[in-house]
Amino acid sequence: MTREIVLEGPPDLRRIYATAALKRGADRDRLPELRVVRPGVSVDSDNLVRYARACGFTLTERLPLPYPHLLGFPLQMVVMSQRDFPLPLVGSVHVENVITVNTSLTLADSLEVAVHAENLRAHPKGRQVDLVTEVSTHGDVAWRGVSTYLARGAEHPDAEASEPPSLDGLEGVRSGPTWRFSAGTGRMFAGIGGDWNPIHVHPILAKPLGFPTAIAHGMYSYSRCVGALAPRLPGSGITSHVWFRKPIRLPSTVRLRTAFEDHRTLSLLEGVKGELDHAVLEHTWAGAGPGR
């Protein structure tokens, strides 16, 4: 039977991370039957403004495509910090994300945010799990995000791993926006999104977890990409899929290259010299284009 935790406000993520630093993950092969819900959520307009400015979105009454992830992320951490959760919270890496927007959400909407975990499975380099966030308004799921986290451990060479589409469509695409991510980028976005994972905050904290420097939040680099593409994307009826490849060490300079097709975009976020692939993005939709 599924247990439900109902939250009246946002959880304290700093305390969750501090507690989770001592937890290695339960020795089990199944996920807890748990659903964490926060009803009556109102978007903080000041936070939305900070997010839009940091990620390059034009402010409108409609929420930016990735923004509801920030509402669901704290609930994801509640699920992953449970004693019977099989993967460790600290040290797990966000490797993939799929967002489906059924209906555009607005700043005025009263939202219900719900999170559960599913699909615990082997990965060639360890184990992975999906954290599913559903954001509803008026009783209908308007926005759904599936965040895949990988915990490195015993290797499973025969396990399947999700791979991005072929990048052949990007051949010949040279120009695109370039961004400089400073040494403080992780702390900046943590202040907006609440993700104070040590790997993003300071190199001294990141090194024990296997990173020579702090690294940028995947959802920040992804949001920068979506912000640049937003004028060419519809507001609803769209699926946004990102595969996180090599982490962005801070500081770094990156660039975005995109191929545009009917009802599809394919993008690569890479080092400014093309030496590293940081993320692959694919957007797909049917019907009308921007403004829908």
C-alpha atoms as a PDB file:
ATOM      1  CA  MET A   1       0.000   0.000   0.000  1.00  0.00           C
ATOM      2  CA  THR A   2       1.356   3.412  -0.982  1.00  0.00           C
ATOM      3  CA  ARG A   3       2.179   5.714   1.911  1.00  0.00           C
ATOM      4  CA  GLU A   4       1.536   9.415   1.381  1.00  0.00           C
ATOM      5  CA  ILE A   5       3.354  12.329   2.957  1.00  0.00           C
ATOM      6  CA  VAL A   6       1.526  15.645   2.649  1.00  0.00           C
ATOM      7  CA  LEU A   7       3.634  18.776   3.070  1.00  0.00           C
ATOM      8  CA  GLU A   8       2.190  22.133   4.045  1.00  0.00           C
ATOM      9  CA  GLY A   9       5.298  24.029   2.921  1.00  0.00           C
ATOM     10  CA  PRO A  10       8.670  23.496   1.248  1.00  0.00           C
ATOM     11  CA  PRO A  11      11.082  21.172   3.087  1.00  0.00           C
ATOM     12  CA  ASP A  12      14.423  22.406   4.404  1.00  0.00           C
ATOM     13  CA  LEU A  13      16.847  21.094   1.781  1.00  0.00           C
ATOM     14  CA  ARG A  14      19.982  22.182   3.632  1.00  0.00           C
ATOM     15  CA  ARG A  15      18.987  20.009   6.573  1.00  0.00           C
ATOM     16  CA  ILE A  16      18.085  17.118   4.265  1.00  0.00           C
ATOM     17  CA  TYR A  17      21.520  17.293   2.627  1.00  0.00           C
ATOM     18  CA  ALA A  18      23.285  17.500   5.986  1.00  0.00           C
ATOM     19  CA  THR A  19      21.461  14.393   7.198  1.00  0.00           C
ATOM     20  CA  ALA A  20      21.834  12.556   3.903  1.00  0.00           C
ATOM     21  CA  ALA A  21      25.620  12.987   3.945  1.00  0.00           C
ATOM     22  CA  LEU A  22      25.721  10.215   6.559  1.00  0.00           C
ATOM     23  CA  LYS A  23      23.405   7.873   4.605  1.00  0.00           C
ATOM     24  CA  ARG A  24      24.708   5.402   2.031  1.00  0.00           C
ATOM     25  CA  GLY A  25      21.392   4.080   0.716  1.00  0.00           C
ATOM     26  CA  ALA A  26      19.426   1.084   1.953  1.00  0.00           C
ATOM     27  CA  ASP A  27      20.640  -2.382   1.062  1.00  0.00           C
ATOM     28  CA  ARG A  28      17.551  -3.374  -0.891  1.00  0.00           C
ATOM     29  CA  ASP A  29      16.387  -3.948  -4.446  1.00  0.00           C
ATOM     30  CA  ARG A  30      13.008  -2.262  -4.329  1.00  0.00           C
ATOM     31  CA  LEU A  31      11.706   1.257  -3.939  1.00  0.00           C
ATOM     32  CA  PRO A  32       9.584   2.492  -1.052  1.00  0.00           C
ATOM     33  CA  GLU A  33       5.893   2.757  -1.901  1.00  0.00           C
ATOM     34  CA  LEU A  34       5.722   6.452  -1.161  1.00  0.00           C
ATOM     35  CA  ARG A  35       4.112   9.527  -2.649  1.00  0.00           C
ATOM     36  CA  VAL A  36       5.042  13.010  -1.416  1.00  0.00           C
ATOM     37  CA  VAL A  37       2.446  15.693  -2.100  1.00  0.00           C
ATOM     38  CA  ARG A  38       2.338  19.430  -1.607  1.00  0.00           C
ATOM     39  CA  PRO A  39      -1.097  20.950  -2.373  1.00  0.00           C
ATOM     40  CA  GLY A  40      -1.989  24.610  -2.778  1.00  0.00           C
ATOM     41  CA  VAL A  41       1.411  25.681  -4.131  1.00  0.00           C
ATOM     42  CA  SER A  42       1.731  29.277  -5.325  1.00  0.00           C
ATOM     43  CA  VAL A  43       4.694  30.342  -7.412  1.00  0.00           C
ATOM     44  CA  ASP A  44       6.955  32.872  -5.701  1.00  0.00           C
ATOM     45  CA  SER A  45       7.047  35.743  -8.196  1.00  0.00           C
ATOM     46  CA  ASP A  46      10.391  37.060  -6.913  1.00  0.00           C
ATOM     47  CA  ASN A  47      11.981  33.637  -7.319  1.00  0.00           C
ATOM     48  CA  LEU A  48      10.488  33.325 -10.807  1.00  0.00           C
ATOM     49  CA  VAL A  49      12.004  36.678 -11.785  1.00  0.00           C
ATOM     50  CA  ARG A  50      15.428  35.602 -10.517  1.00  0.00           C
ATOM     51  CA  TYR A  51      15.159  32.312 -12.405  1.00  0.00           C
ATOM     52  CA  ALA A  52      14.070  33.993 -15.644  1.00  0.00           C
ATOM     53  CA  ARG A  53      16.926  36.498 -15.471  1.00  0.00           C
ATOM     54  CA  ALA A  54      19.519  33.836 -14.660  1.00  0.00           C
ATOM     55  CA  CYS A  55      18.371  31.490 -17.425  1.00  0.00           C
ATOM     56  CA  GLY A  56      17.501  33.946 -20.190  1.00  0.00           C
ATOM     57  CA  PHE A  57      13.709  33.614 -20.287  1.00  0.00           C
ATOM     58  CA  THR A  58      11.420  36.485 -21.223  1.00  0.00           C
ATOM     59  CA  LEU A  59       8.966  37.082 -18.395  1.00  0.00           C
ATOM     60  CA  THR A  60       5.332  36.415 -19.307  1.00  0.00           C
ATOM     61  CA  GLU A  61       2.339  35.101 -17.369  1.00  0.00           C
ATOM     62  CA  ARG A  62       3.296  31.595 -18.540  1.00  0.00           C
ATOM     63  CA  LEU A  63       5.841  29.636 -16.494  1.00  0.00           C
ATOM     64  CA  PRO A  64       9.043  28.717 -18.354  1.00  0.00           C
ATOM     65  CA  LEU A  65       9.022  25.098 -19.503  1.00  0.00           C
ATOM     66  CA  PRO A  66      11.598  23.804 -16.950  1.00  0.00           C
ATOM     67  CA  TYR A  67      10.522  25.980 -14.005  1.00  0.00           C
ATOM     68  CA  PRO A  68       8.077  23.519 -12.347  1.00  0.00           C
ATOM     69  CA  HIS A  69      11.046  21.216 -11.780  1.00  0.00           C
ATOM     70  CA  LEU A  70      12.124  23.664  -9.063  1.00  0.00           C
ATOM     71  CA  LEU A  71       8.784  23.084  -7.319  1.00  0.00           C
ATOM     72  CA  GLY A  72       9.139  19.305  -7.487  1.00  0.00           C
ATOM     73  CA  PHE A  73      12.828  19.011  -6.693  1.00  0.00           C
ATOM     74  CA  PRO A  74      12.472  19.495  -2.899  1.00  0.00           C
ATOM     75  CA  LEU A  75       9.874  16.708  -2.855  1.00  0.00           C
ATOM     76  CA  GLN A  76      12.254  14.481  -4.817  1.00  0.00           C
ATOM     77  CA  MET A  77      14.811  15.005  -2.082  1.00  0.00           C
ATOM     78  CA  VAL A  78      12.273  14.000   0.570  1.00  0.00           C
ATOM     79  CA  VAL A  79      11.691  10.717  -1.276  1.00  0.00           C
ATOM     80  CA  MET A  80      15.415  10.045  -1.784  1.00  0.00           C
ATOM     81  CA  SER A  81      16.286  10.856   1.842  1.00  0.00           C
ATOM     82  CA  GLN A  82      14.013   8.148   3.265  1.00  0.00           C
ATOM     83  CA  ARG A  83      15.736   5.416   5.262  1.00  0.00           C
ATOM     84  CA  ASP A  84      14.459   2.691   2.937  1.00  0.00           C
ATOM     85  CA  PHE A  85      15.452   4.426  -0.314  1.00  0.00           C
ATOM     86  CA  PRO A  86      18.001   2.179  -2.066  1.00  0.00           C
ATOM     87  CA  LEU A  87      20.251   4.871  -3.583  1.00  0.00           C
ATOM     88  CA  PRO A  88      22.256   7.474  -1.651  1.00  0.00           C
ATOM     89  CA  LEU A  89      21.057  11.048  -2.077  1.00  0.00           C
ATOM     90  CA  VAL A  90      24.519  12.609  -1.835  1.00  0.00           C
ATOM     91  CA  GLY A  91      26.609  11.267  -4.685  1.00  0.00           C
ATOM     92  CA  SER A  92      23.752  10.352  -7.009  1.00  0.00           C
ATOM     93  CA  VAL A  93      24.083  12.166 -10.340  1.00  0.00           C
ATOM     94  CA  HIS A  94      21.291  13.585 -12.489  1.00  0.00           C
ATOM     95  CA  VAL A  95      21.876  11.942 -15.890  1.00  0.00           C
ATOM     96  CA  GLU A  96      18.657  12.480 -17.833  1.00  0.00           C
ATOM     97  CA  ASN A  97      15.411  14.449 -17.714  1.00  0.00           C
ATOM     98  CA  VAL A  98      12.174  14.304 -19.697  1.00  0.00           C
ATOM     99  CA  ILE A  99       9.522  17.018 -19.359  1.00  0.00           C
ATOM    100  CA  THR A 100       6.084  16.841 -20.958  1.00  0.00           C
ATOM    101  CA  VAL A 101       3.913  19.966 -20.945  1.00  0.00           C
ATOM    102  CA  ASN A 102       0.257  19.132 -21.537  1.00  0.00           C
ATOM    103  CA  THR A 103      -1.114  22.537 -20.583  1.00  0.00           C
ATOM    104  CA  SER A 104       0.735  25.800 -19.994  1.00  0.00           C
ATOM    105  CA  LEU A 105       0.970  26.809 -16.341  1.00  0.00           C
ATOM    106  CA  THR A 106       0.770  30.437 -15.250  1.00  0.00           C
ATOM    107  CA  LEU A 107       1.888  32.468 -12.284  1.00  0.00           C
ATOM    108  CA  ALA A 108      -1.738  32.745 -11.138  1.00  0.00           C
ATOM    109  CA  ASP A 109      -2.394  28.995 -10.975  1.00  0.00           C
ATOM    110  CA  SER A 110      -2.804  27.160  -7.692  1.00  0.00           C
ATOM    111  CA  LEU A 111      -0.810  23.964  -8.081  1.00  0.00           C
ATOM    112  CA  GLU A 112      -0.566  20.522  -6.556  1.00  0.00           C
ATOM    113  CA  VAL A 113       2.898  18.982  -6.802  1.00  0.00           C
ATOM    114  CA  ALA A 114       3.366  15.239  -6.305  1.00  0.00           C
ATOM    115  CA  VAL A 115       6.495  13.073  -6.514  1.00  0.00           C
ATOM    116  CA  HIS A 116       7.134   9.340  -6.463  1.00  0.00           C
ATOM    117  CA  ALA A 117       9.999   7.038  -7.469  1.00  0.00           C
ATOM    118  CA  GLU A 118       9.797   4.253 -10.014  1.00  0.00           C
ATOM    119  CA  ASN A 119      11.803   2.012 -12.319  1.00  0.00           C
ATOM    120  CA  LEU A 120      14.805   1.101 -10.171  1.00  0.00           C
ATOM    121  CA  ARG A 121      17.161  -0.622 -12.574  1.00  0.00           C
ATOM    122  CA  ALA A 122      20.727  -1.565 -13.338  1.00  0.00           C
ATOM    123  CA  HIS A 123      23.062   0.744 -15.248  1.00  0.00           C
ATOM    124  CA  PRO A 124      26.419  -0.197 -16.763  1.00  0.00           C
ATOM    125  CA  LYS A 125      28.099   1.883 -14.037  1.00  0.00           C
ATOM    126  CA  GLY A 126      25.767   1.224 -11.104  1.00  0.00           C
ATOM    127  CA  ARG A 127      22.042   1.644 -10.493  1.00  0.00           C
ATOM    128  CA  GLN A 128      19.568   4.279 -11.586  1.00  0.00           C
ATOM    129  CA  VAL A 129      16.061   5.363 -10.689  1.00  0.00           C
ATOM    130  CA  ASP A 130      13.375   7.720 -11.990  1.00  0.00           C
ATOM    131  CA  LEU A 131      11.868  10.433  -9.786  1.00  0.00           C
ATOM    132  CA  VAL A 132       8.520  11.404 -11.305  1.00  0.00           C
ATOM    133  CA  THR A 133       7.079  14.860 -10.632  1.00  0.00           C
ATOM    134  CA  GLU A 134       3.501  15.694 -11.601  1.00  0.00           C
ATOM    135  CA  VAL A 135       2.181  19.237 -11.349  1.00  0.00           C
ATOM    136  CA  SER A 136      -1.594  19.518 -11.482  1.00  0.00           C
ATOM    137  CA  THR A 137      -4.060  22.355 -11.673  1.00  0.00           C
ATOM    138  CA  HIS A 138      -7.855  22.037 -11.532  1.00  0.00           C
ATOM    139  CA  GLY A 139      -7.401  18.293 -11.002  1.00  0.00           C
ATOM    140  CA  ASP A 140      -5.500  17.666 -14.238  1.00  0.00           C
ATOM    141  CA  VAL A 141      -1.793  16.906 -14.696  1.00  0.00           C
ATOM    142  CA  ALA A 142      -0.499  19.864 -16.694  1.00  0.00           C
ATOM    143  CA  TRP A 143       3.247  19.186 -16.384  1.00  0.00           C
ATOM    144  CA  ARG A 144       5.152  15.935 -15.880  1.00  0.00           C
ATOM    145  CA  GLY A 145       8.881  15.547 -15.335  1.00  0.00           C
ATOM    146  CA  VAL A 146      10.935  12.366 -15.098  1.00  0.00           C
ATOM    147  CA  SER A 147      14.372  12.892 -13.533  1.00  0.00           C
ATOM    148  CA  THR A 148      16.791   9.969 -13.798  1.00  0.00           C
ATOM    149  CA  TYR A 149      19.511   9.673 -11.154  1.00  0.00           C
ATOM    150  CA  LEU A 150      22.535   7.377 -11.284  1.00  0.00           C
ATOM    151  CA  ALA A 151      24.393   6.054  -8.253  1.00  0.00           C
ATOM    152  CA  ARG A 152      27.754   4.586  -9.211  1.00  0.00           C
ATOM    153  CA  GLY A 153      28.541   1.190  -7.758  1.00  0.00           C
ATOM    154  CA  ALA A 154      28.808  -2.416  -8.887  1.00  0.00           C
ATOM    155  CA  GLU A 155      29.023  -2.396 -12.674  1.00  0.00           C
ATOM    156  CA  HIS A 156      26.499  -4.176 -14.909  1.00  0.00           C
ATOM    157  CA  PRO A 157      28.106  -4.340 -18.372  1.00  0.00           C
ATOM    158  CA  ASP A 158      25.010  -5.898 -19.975  1.00  0.00           C
ATOM    159  CA  ALA A 159      22.564  -3.323 -18.615  1.00  0.00           C
ATOM    160  CA  GLU A 160      20.956  -0.893 -21.015  1.00  0.00           C
ATOM    161  CA  ALA A 161      21.627   2.837 -20.786  1.00  0.00           C
ATOM    162  CA  SER A 162      19.572   5.522 -22.481  1.00  0.00           C
ATOM    163  CA  GLU A 163      21.413   7.130 -25.371  1.00  0.00           C
ATOM    164  CA  PRO A 164      20.674  10.452 -27.091  1.00  0.00           C
ATOM    165  CA  PRO A 165      19.680  10.623 -30.754  1.00  0.00           C
ATOM    166  CA  SER A 166      22.289  10.854 -33.482  1.00  0.00           C
ATOM    167  CA  LEU A 167      23.868  14.288 -33.788  1.00  0.00           C
ATOM    168  CA  ASP A 168      24.178  14.017 -37.580  1.00  0.00           C
ATOM    169  CA  GLY A 169      21.562  16.759 -37.916  1.00  0.00           C
ATOM    170  CA  LEU A 170      24.000  19.218 -36.329  1.00  0.00           C
ATOM    171  CA  GLU A 171      26.607  18.844 -39.048  1.00  0.00           C
ATOM    172  CA  GLY A 172      27.275  22.259 -40.513  1.00  0.00           C
ATOM    173  CA  VAL A 173      25.671  24.121 -37.594  1.00  0.00           C
ATOM    174  CA  ARG A 174      28.496  26.251 -36.206  1.00  0.00           C
ATOM    175  CA  SER A 175      27.013  29.341 -34.579  1.00  0.00           C
ATOM    176  CA  GLY A 176      25.004  29.622 -31.389  1.00  0.00           C
ATOM    177  CA  PRO A 177      24.921  31.426 -28.053  1.00  0.00           C
ATOM    178  CA  THR A 178      28.008  31.261 -25.845  1.00  0.00           C
ATOM    179  CA  TRP A 179      27.896  31.500 -22.062  1.00  0.00           C
ATOM    180  CA  ARG A 180      30.534  31.909 -19.366  1.00  0.00           C
ATOM    181  CA  PHE A 181      29.791  29.915 -16.217  1.00  0.00           C
ATOM    182  CA  SER A 182      31.745  31.472 -13.354  1.00  0.00           C
ATOM    183  CA  ALA A 183      33.155  29.739 -10.277  1.00  0.00           C
ATOM    184  CA  GLY A 184      30.122  30.943  -8.321  1.00  0.00           C
ATOM    185  CA  THR A 185      27.494  29.684 -10.768  1.00  0.00           C
ATOM    186  CA  GLY A 186      26.623  26.685  -8.584  1.00  0.00           C
ATOM    187  CA  ARG A 187      26.004  28.821  -5.501  1.00  0.00           C
ATOM    188  CA  MET A 188      23.986  31.305  -7.557  1.00  0.00           C
ATOM    189  CA  PHE A 189      21.611  28.657  -8.901  1.00  0.00           C
ATOM    190  CA  ALA A 190      21.429  26.851  -5.556  1.00  0.00           C
ATOM    191  CA  GLY A 191      20.042  30.084  -4.134  1.00  0.00           C
ATOM    192  CA  ILE A 192      17.306  30.025  -6.778  1.00  0.00           C
ATOM    193  CA  GLY A 193      16.505  26.338  -7.080  1.00  0.00           C
ATOM    194  CA  GLY A 194      17.375  25.135  -3.583  1.00  0.00           C
ATOM    195  CA  ASP A 195      19.762  22.395  -4.720  1.00  0.00           C
ATOM    196  CA  TRP A 196      22.662  22.710  -2.250  1.00  0.00           C
ATOM    197  CA  ASN A 197      24.290  19.424  -3.242  1.00  0.00           C
ATOM    198  CA  PRO A 198      27.974  19.852  -2.248  1.00  0.00           C
ATOM    199  CA  ILE A 199      29.157  19.036  -5.789  1.00  0.00           C
ATOM    200  CA  HIS A 200      27.743  22.380  -6.937  1.00  0.00           C
ATOM    201  CA  VAL A 201      28.746  24.624  -4.066  1.00  0.00           C
ATOM    202  CA  HIS A 202      32.533  24.631  -3.627  1.00  0.00           C
ATOM    203  CA  PRO A 203      35.531  22.646  -4.952  1.00  0.00           C
ATOM    204  CA  ILE A 204      36.582  21.641  -1.433  1.00  0.00           C
ATOM    205  CA  LEU A 205      33.176  19.999  -0.938  1.00  0.00           C
ATOM    206  CA  ALA A 206      33.077  18.502  -4.447  1.00  0.00           C
ATOM    207  CA  LYS A 207      36.460  16.737  -4.307  1.00  0.00           C
ATOM    208  CA  PRO A 208      35.486  14.033  -1.771  1.00  0.00           C
ATOM    209  CA  LEU A 209      32.621  13.148  -4.123  1.00  0.00           C
ATOM    210  CA  GLY A 210      34.928  12.632  -7.097  1.00  0.00           C
ATOM    211  CA  PHE A 211      34.921  16.050  -8.783  1.00  0.00           C
ATOM    212  CA  PRO A 212      38.109  18.156  -9.047  1.00  0.00           C
ATOM    213  CA  THR A 213      36.040  21.354  -9.038  1.00  0.00           C
ATOM    214  CA  ALA A 214      32.466  22.309  -8.330  1.00  0.00           C
ATOM    215  CA  ILE A 215      30.197  21.538 -11.292  1.00  0.00           C
ATOM    216  CA  ALA A 216      27.215  23.410 -12.685  1.00  0.00           C
ATOM    217  CA  HIS A 217      23.714  22.124 -11.946  1.00  0.00           C
ATOM    218  CA  GLY A 218      22.463  20.114 -14.887  1.00  0.00           C
ATOM    219  CA  MET A 219      19.086  21.838 -14.621  1.00  0.00           C
ATOM    220  CA  TYR A 220      20.771  25.236 -14.815  1.00  0.00           C
ATOM    221  CA  SER A 221      22.690  24.476 -18.020  1.00  0.00           C
ATOM    222  CA  TYR A 222      19.566  22.822 -19.430  1.00  0.00           C
ATOM    223  CA  SER A 223      17.437  25.839 -18.504  1.00  0.00           C
ATOM    224  CA  ARG A 224      19.910  28.161 -20.235  1.00  0.00           C
ATOM    225  CA  CYS A 225      19.475  26.097 -23.387  1.00  0.00           C
ATOM    226  CA  VAL A 226      15.680  26.070 -23.180  1.00  0.00           C
ATOM    227  CA  GLY A 227      15.691  29.818 -22.505  1.00  0.00           C
ATOM    228  CA  ALA A 228      17.619  30.377 -25.734  1.00  0.00           C
ATOM    229  CA  LEU A 229      15.273  28.083 -27.697  1.00  0.00           C
ATOM    230  CA  ALA A 230      12.011  29.260 -26.100  1.00  0.00           C
ATOM    231  CA  PRO A 231      10.990  31.701 -28.877  1.00  0.00           C
ATOM    232  CA  ARG A 232      11.009  28.768 -31.316  1.00  0.00           C
ATOM    233  CA  LEU A 233       9.077  26.333 -29.101  1.00  0.00           C
ATOM    234  CA  PRO A 234       5.329  25.935 -28.467  1.00  0.00           C
ATOM    235  CA  GLY A 235       4.034  26.584 -24.967  1.00  0.00           C
ATOM    236  CA  SER A 236       2.232  23.250 -24.585  1.00  0.00           C
ATOM    237  CA  GLY A 237       1.922  19.879 -26.254  1.00  0.00           C
ATOM    238  CA  ILE A 238       5.703  19.551 -26.161  1.00  0.00           C
ATOM    239  CA  THR A 239       8.214  17.031 -24.822  1.00  0.00           C
ATOM    240  CA  SER A 240      11.658  18.243 -23.793  1.00  0.00           C
ATOM    241  CA  HIS A 241      14.329  15.564 -23.361  1.00  0.00           C
ATOM    242  CA  VAL A 242      17.874  16.174 -22.135  1.00  0.00           C
ATOM    243  CA  TRP A 243      20.760  13.749 -21.714  1.00  0.00           C
ATOM    244  CA  PHE A 244      23.486  15.061 -19.417  1.00  0.00           C
ATOM    245  CA  ARG A 245      26.904  13.919 -20.637  1.00  0.00           C
ATOM    246  CA  LYS A 246      30.105  15.423 -19.226  1.00  0.00           C
ATOM    247  CA  PRO A 247      29.636  17.751 -16.220  1.00  0.00           C
ATOM    248  CA  ILE A 248      30.497  21.426 -16.645  1.00  0.00           C
ATOM    249  CA  ARG A 249      33.427  22.196 -14.373  1.00  0.00           C
ATOM    250  CA  LEU A 250      33.346  25.674 -12.905  1.00  0.00           C
ATOM    251  CA  PRO A 251      34.480  28.016 -14.293  1.00  0.00           C
ATOM    252  CA  SER A 252      33.893  27.119 -17.972  1.00  0.00           C
ATOM    253  CA  THR A 253      32.725  28.636 -21.243  1.00  0.00           C
ATOM    254  CA  VAL A 254      30.139  26.688 -23.246  1.00  0.00           C
ATOM    255  CA  ARG A 255      28.195  27.110 -26.470  1.00  0.00           C
ATOM    256  CA  LEU A 256      24.887  25.824 -27.809  1.00  0.00           C
ATOM    257  CA  ARG A 257      24.386  24.544 -31.356  1.00  0.00           C
ATOM    258  CA  THR A 258      20.885  23.700 -32.622  1.00  0.00           C
ATOM    259  CA  ALA A 259      19.351  22.184 -35.735  1.00  0.00           C
ATOM    260  CA  PHE A 260      15.728  23.222 -36.350  1.00  0.00           C
ATOM    261  CA  GLU A 261      13.238  20.938 -38.084  1.00  0.00           C
ATOM    262  CA  ASP A 262       9.436  20.814 -38.400  1.00  0.00           C
ATOM    263  CA  HIS A 263       8.124  19.890 -34.950  1.00  0.00           C
ATOM    264  CA  ARG A 264      11.612  19.125 -33.624  1.00  0.00           C
ATOM    265  CA  THR A 265      14.835  20.716 -32.441  1.00  0.00           C
ATOM    266  CA  LEU A 266      18.103  18.924 -31.740  1.00  0.00           C
ATOM    267  CA  SER A 267      20.745  20.728 -29.678  1.00  0.00           C
ATOM    268  CA  LEU A 268      24.227  20.126 -28.336  1.00  0.00           C
ATOM    269  CA  LEU A 269      25.698  22.031 -25.407  1.00  0.00           C
ATOM    270  CA  GLU A 270      29.465  21.733 -25.661  1.00  0.00           C
ATOM    271  CA  GLY A 271      32.726  23.296 -24.580  1.00  0.00           C
ATOM    272  CA  VAL A 272      33.411  26.503 -26.457  1.00  0.00           C
ATOM    273  CA  LYS A 273      36.164  24.785 -28.445  1.00  0.00           C
ATOM    274  CA  GLY A 274      34.017  21.724 -29.135  1.00  0.00           C
ATOM    275  CA  GLU A 275      36.224  19.579 -26.918  1.00  0.00           C
ATOM    276  CA  LEU A 276      33.486  18.256 -24.580  1.00  0.00           C
ATOM    277  CA  ASP A 277      29.842  17.312 -25.037  1.00  0.00           C
ATOM    278  CA  HIS A 278      27.970  18.469 -21.947  1.00  0.00           C
ATOM    279  CA  ALA A 279      24.332  17.841 -22.874  1.00  0.00           C
ATOM    280  CA  VAL A 280      22.137  16.751 -25.772  1.00  0.00           C
ATOM    281  CA  LEU A 281      18.609  18.161 -25.995  1.00  0.00           C
ATOM    282  CA  GLU A 282      15.676  17.127 -28.155  1.00  0.00           C
ATOM    283  CA  HIS A 283      12.326  18.918 -28.291  1.00  0.00           C
ATOM    284  CA  THR A 284       9.383  17.359 -30.119  1.00  0.00           C
ATOM    285  CA  TRP A 285       5.816  18.500 -30.616  1.00  0.00           C
ATOM    286  CA  ALA A 286       2.850  18.195 -32.959  1.00  0.00           C
ATOM    287  CA  GLY A 287       0.474  20.791 -34.344  1.00  0.00           C
ATOM    288  CA  ALA A 288       0.966  24.538 -34.024  1.00  0.00           C
ATOM    289  CA  GLY A 289       4.318  26.126 -33.213  1.00  0.00           C
ATOM    290  CA  PRO A 290       5.277  29.001 -30.903  1.00  0.00           C
ATOM    291  CA  GLY A 291       2.481  30.781 -29.093  1.00  0.00           C
ATOM    292  CA  ARG A 292       0.344  27.694 -28.870  1.00  0.00           C
END
